[in-house]
């Protein structure tokens, strides 16, 4: 390979990284959610995906039932949907509702009424990015894009031109309405996950899958 080709590929890779970075906003402690005043910057190792968190000493094993409130689409001025259409927001909210119910239903008995052994989960969809059609997939095969996405995969970062989903999780003791845990998270596929690049909402849905799996694992 000629030196000029190496330079060209390097420039493309840098441009690709810059574009991906500019298009991807970091979550905030959304002012319109109930737990906003409790959320603090997360100092744990998962801060890149969970930048804000509030935790208490909760005995998760003492709970065997779960109420999942209908997923709310955040309408505050600090939302991070960009130009996303309302129909896409609704699609993601419905997908989030069913996915979390399916994943957490393996651990908890789904309930409709509060009880002493019951948790209540509130999910608020606060932002999302769609994947860029064609370019998102092509960047996994192009040499420059492959380099960038390979590095992102190792770092746990977001792939070029790839969508994501951002949401708030609030977990309450259903009988006392005491907030036990809250966090804001941004989820997206592994940067080399080619399948998640198909469809404008594919990456965001994969992010929801990953987030639901992470919460189910935490509460087990």
Protein backbone atom coordinates (compact mmCIF):
# COMPACT_ATOMS: atom_id res chain seq x y z
CA UNK A 1 0.00 0.00 0.00
CA UNK A 2 1.32 3.46 -0.96
CA UNK A 3 2.15 5.99 1.69
CA UNK A 4 -0.47 8.33 0.21
CA UNK A 5 -3.09 5.61 0.67
CA UNK A 6 -2.11 5.21 4.33
CA UNK A 7 -2.47 8.93 4.87
CA UNK A 8 -5.85 8.95 3.11
CA UNK A 9 -7.15 6.12 5.27
CA UNK A 10 -5.91 7.82 8.41
CA UNK A 11 -7.68 11.04 7.46
CA UNK A 12 -10.91 9.13 6.73
CA UNK A 13 -10.70 7.29 10.05
CA UNK A 14 -10.17 10.54 11.94
CA UNK A 15 -13.07 12.17 10.09
CA UNK A 16 -15.25 9.17 10.84
CA UNK A 17 -14.41 9.40 14.54
CA UNK A 18 -15.07 13.13 14.58
CA UNK A 19 -18.46 12.73 12.92
CA UNK A 20 -19.46 9.96 15.31
CA UNK A 21 -18.40 12.04 18.29
CA UNK A 22 -20.26 15.13 17.16
CA UNK A 23 -23.45 13.19 16.51
CA UNK A 24 -23.48 11.52 19.91
CA UNK A 25 -24.62 13.58 22.88
CA UNK A 26 -23.85 12.55 26.42
CA UNK A 27 -26.83 12.05 28.76
CA UNK A 28 -27.70 14.61 31.43
CA UNK A 29 -29.47 14.40 34.79
CA UNK A 30 -32.80 15.24 33.19
CA UNK A 31 -34.55 17.95 35.16
CA UNK A 32 -38.05 16.62 34.52
CA UNK A 33 -37.73 13.16 36.06
CA UNK A 34 -38.71 12.55 39.68
CA UNK A 35 -35.26 11.37 40.79
CA UNK A 36 -33.33 14.23 39.19
CA UNK A 37 -32.42 15.84 42.53
CA UNK A 38 -30.98 12.53 43.78
CA UNK A 39 -28.81 11.73 40.77
CA UNK A 40 -25.07 12.26 41.13
CA UNK A 41 -22.18 11.77 38.71
CA UNK A 42 -21.24 8.10 38.71
CA UNK A 43 -17.68 7.36 39.82
CA UNK A 44 -17.83 3.62 39.13
CA UNK A 45 -16.23 1.80 36.24
CA UNK A 46 -19.46 1.85 34.22
CA UNK A 47 -19.67 5.66 34.18
CA UNK A 48 -19.30 5.81 30.38
CA UNK A 49 -22.67 4.10 29.96
CA UNK A 50 -24.24 5.12 33.28
CA UNK A 51 -23.11 8.71 33.91
CA UNK A 52 -25.59 9.46 36.72
CA UNK A 53 -26.69 7.20 39.55
CA UNK A 54 -28.40 7.09 42.94
CA UNK A 55 -28.24 3.98 45.11
CA UNK A 56 -29.34 2.82 48.55
CA UNK A 57 -28.64 -0.36 50.48
CA UNK A 58 -31.54 -2.39 49.13
CA UNK A 59 -32.10 -6.09 49.73
CA UNK A 60 -33.22 -7.14 46.26
CA UNK A 61 -33.66 -10.73 47.38
CA UNK A 62 -36.49 -9.58 49.66
CA UNK A 63 -38.61 -8.74 46.63
CA UNK A 64 -40.34 -11.30 44.46
CA UNK A 65 -42.93 -9.20 42.58
CA UNK A 66 -42.54 -6.32 40.17
CA UNK A 67 -44.81 -3.61 38.81
CA UNK A 68 -43.58 -2.02 35.57
CA UNK A 69 -45.21 1.33 34.92
CA UNK A 70 -45.97 2.23 31.30
CA UNK A 71 -42.81 3.59 29.68
CA UNK A 72 -42.86 7.38 29.48
CA UNK A 73 -41.45 9.38 26.56
CA UNK A 74 -39.65 12.37 28.09
CA UNK A 75 -40.91 15.74 26.86
CA UNK A 76 -38.60 18.05 28.84
CA UNK A 77 -36.60 20.75 27.07
CA UNK A 78 -33.41 18.83 27.89
CA UNK A 79 -34.52 15.71 26.01
CA UNK A 80 -32.03 14.22 23.54
CA UNK A 81 -34.17 12.99 20.68
CA UNK A 82 -32.92 15.54 18.18
CA UNK A 83 -35.16 15.45 15.10
CA UNK A 84 -36.53 11.96 15.79
CA UNK A 85 -40.17 11.51 14.75
CA UNK A 86 -42.79 10.87 17.43
CA UNK A 87 -43.70 7.59 15.74
CA UNK A 88 -40.16 6.30 16.27
CA UNK A 89 -40.21 7.39 19.92
CA UNK A 90 -43.47 5.49 20.41
CA UNK A 91 -42.00 2.42 18.71
CA UNK A 92 -39.00 2.46 21.04
CA UNK A 93 -41.16 3.00 24.13
CA UNK A 94 -43.34 0.01 23.24
CA UNK A 95 -40.27 -2.11 22.56
CA UNK A 96 -38.77 -1.08 25.89
CA UNK A 97 -41.97 -2.00 27.74
CA UNK A 98 -42.14 -5.49 26.28
CA UNK A 99 -38.39 -6.16 26.50
CA UNK A 100 -38.02 -5.23 30.16
CA UNK A 101 -41.15 -7.20 31.03
CA UNK A 102 -39.77 -10.26 29.25
CA UNK A 103 -36.28 -10.06 30.76
CA UNK A 104 -37.36 -9.21 34.31
CA UNK A 105 -40.26 -11.64 34.18
CA UNK A 106 -37.74 -14.45 34.52
CA UNK A 107 -36.80 -13.13 37.96
CA UNK A 108 -40.02 -11.53 39.23
CA UNK A 109 -43.73 -12.27 39.23
CA UNK A 110 -45.38 -9.42 37.36
CA UNK A 111 -47.90 -7.57 39.56
CA UNK A 112 -50.47 -4.78 39.31
CA UNK A 113 -50.87 -3.89 42.99
CA UNK A 114 -48.35 -2.81 45.64
CA UNK A 115 -47.28 -5.20 48.35
CA UNK A 116 -44.52 -5.61 50.95
CA UNK A 117 -42.44 -7.78 48.62
CA UNK A 118 -43.02 -5.72 45.47
CA UNK A 119 -40.84 -3.35 43.49
CA UNK A 120 -42.10 -0.69 41.10
CA UNK A 121 -40.02 0.11 38.02
CA UNK A 122 -40.40 3.39 36.16
CA UNK A 123 -38.67 3.73 32.78
CA UNK A 124 -38.41 7.07 31.00
CA UNK A 125 -37.16 7.19 27.42
CA UNK A 126 -35.16 10.44 27.34
CA UNK A 127 -33.30 10.30 24.04
CA UNK A 128 -32.33 8.23 21.04
CA UNK A 129 -30.28 8.34 17.86
CA UNK A 130 -31.07 6.52 14.64
CA UNK A 131 -28.41 4.73 12.62
CA UNK A 132 -27.40 6.34 9.33
CA UNK A 133 -28.75 4.13 6.55
CA UNK A 134 -26.16 2.27 4.44
CA UNK A 135 -23.17 4.22 5.82
CA UNK A 136 -23.53 2.61 9.24
CA UNK A 137 -23.29 -0.88 7.71
CA UNK A 138 -20.64 0.05 5.13
CA UNK A 139 -18.36 1.51 7.80
CA UNK A 140 -17.94 -2.02 9.25
CA UNK A 141 -16.45 -3.22 5.96
CA UNK A 142 -14.57 -0.15 4.75
CA UNK A 143 -10.92 -0.25 5.86
CA UNK A 144 -10.93 3.14 7.57
CA UNK A 145 -14.31 2.55 9.21
CA UNK A 146 -13.23 -0.93 10.23
CA UNK A 147 -10.19 0.49 12.00
CA UNK A 148 -12.25 3.03 13.89
CA UNK A 149 -15.04 0.61 14.80
CA UNK A 150 -12.51 -2.03 15.85
CA UNK A 151 -10.94 0.40 18.28
CA UNK A 152 -14.36 1.44 19.57
CA UNK A 153 -15.33 -2.20 20.08
CA UNK A 154 -12.27 -2.75 22.28
CA UNK A 155 -12.98 0.43 24.24
CA UNK A 156 -16.68 -0.32 24.61
CA UNK A 157 -17.49 2.80 22.63
CA UNK A 158 -20.21 3.49 20.07
CA UNK A 159 -19.65 2.62 16.42
CA UNK A 160 -19.57 5.18 13.63
CA UNK A 161 -22.96 6.38 12.35
CA UNK A 162 -24.68 4.01 14.78
CA UNK A 163 -27.81 4.73 16.78
CA UNK A 164 -28.30 4.54 20.53
CA UNK A 165 -30.93 4.88 23.23
CA UNK A 166 -30.87 6.93 26.42
CA UNK A 167 -33.27 6.43 29.31
CA UNK A 168 -33.78 6.84 33.04
CA UNK A 169 -34.48 3.97 35.43
CA UNK A 170 -36.18 4.53 38.79
CA UNK A 171 -36.83 1.63 41.17
CA UNK A 172 -39.17 2.09 44.14
CA UNK A 173 -40.40 -0.01 47.02
CA UNK A 174 -44.00 -0.31 45.82
CA UNK A 175 -45.56 -0.35 49.30
CA UNK A 176 -43.75 2.73 50.65
CA UNK A 177 -42.91 4.52 47.38
CA UNK A 178 -39.34 4.92 48.66
CA UNK A 179 -36.78 5.41 45.91
CA UNK A 180 -34.27 2.57 46.12
CA UNK A 181 -32.21 3.19 43.01
CA UNK A 182 -32.12 5.48 40.00
CA UNK A 183 -29.78 5.97 37.10
CA UNK A 184 -29.47 7.42 33.63
CA UNK A 185 -27.93 5.22 30.98
CA UNK A 186 -26.97 5.33 27.33
CA UNK A 187 -26.95 1.97 25.56
CA UNK A 188 -25.80 0.93 22.09
CA UNK A 189 -24.53 -2.20 20.32
CA UNK A 190 -20.94 -3.37 20.21
CA UNK A 191 -19.22 -1.29 17.53
CA UNK A 192 -18.63 -4.37 15.36
CA UNK A 193 -22.20 -5.68 15.62
CA UNK A 194 -23.14 -5.60 11.95
CA UNK A 195 -26.66 -6.94 12.48
CA UNK A 196 -27.56 -3.99 14.71
CA UNK A 197 -26.79 -1.53 11.88
CA UNK A 198 -29.74 -2.69 9.78
CA UNK A 199 -32.79 -0.45 10.13
CA UNK A 200 -32.76 3.03 11.56
CA UNK A 201 -33.90 1.81 15.01
CA UNK A 202 -31.96 -1.47 15.07
CA UNK A 203 -29.11 -0.11 17.18
CA UNK A 204 -31.45 1.61 19.64
CA UNK A 205 -33.43 -1.62 20.09
CA UNK A 206 -30.22 -3.56 20.65
CA UNK A 207 -29.30 -0.97 23.29
CA UNK A 208 -32.64 -1.61 25.01
CA UNK A 209 -31.92 -5.35 24.97
CA UNK A 210 -28.53 -4.78 26.58
CA UNK A 211 -29.94 -2.42 29.20
CA UNK A 212 -32.69 -4.85 30.18
CA UNK A 213 -30.18 -7.69 30.47
CA UNK A 214 -27.95 -5.54 32.67
CA UNK A 215 -30.79 -4.65 35.04
CA UNK A 216 -31.99 -8.26 35.22
CA UNK A 217 -28.48 -9.38 36.12
CA UNK A 218 -28.17 -6.71 38.80
CA UNK A 219 -31.46 -7.68 40.47
CA UNK A 220 -30.80 -11.42 40.40
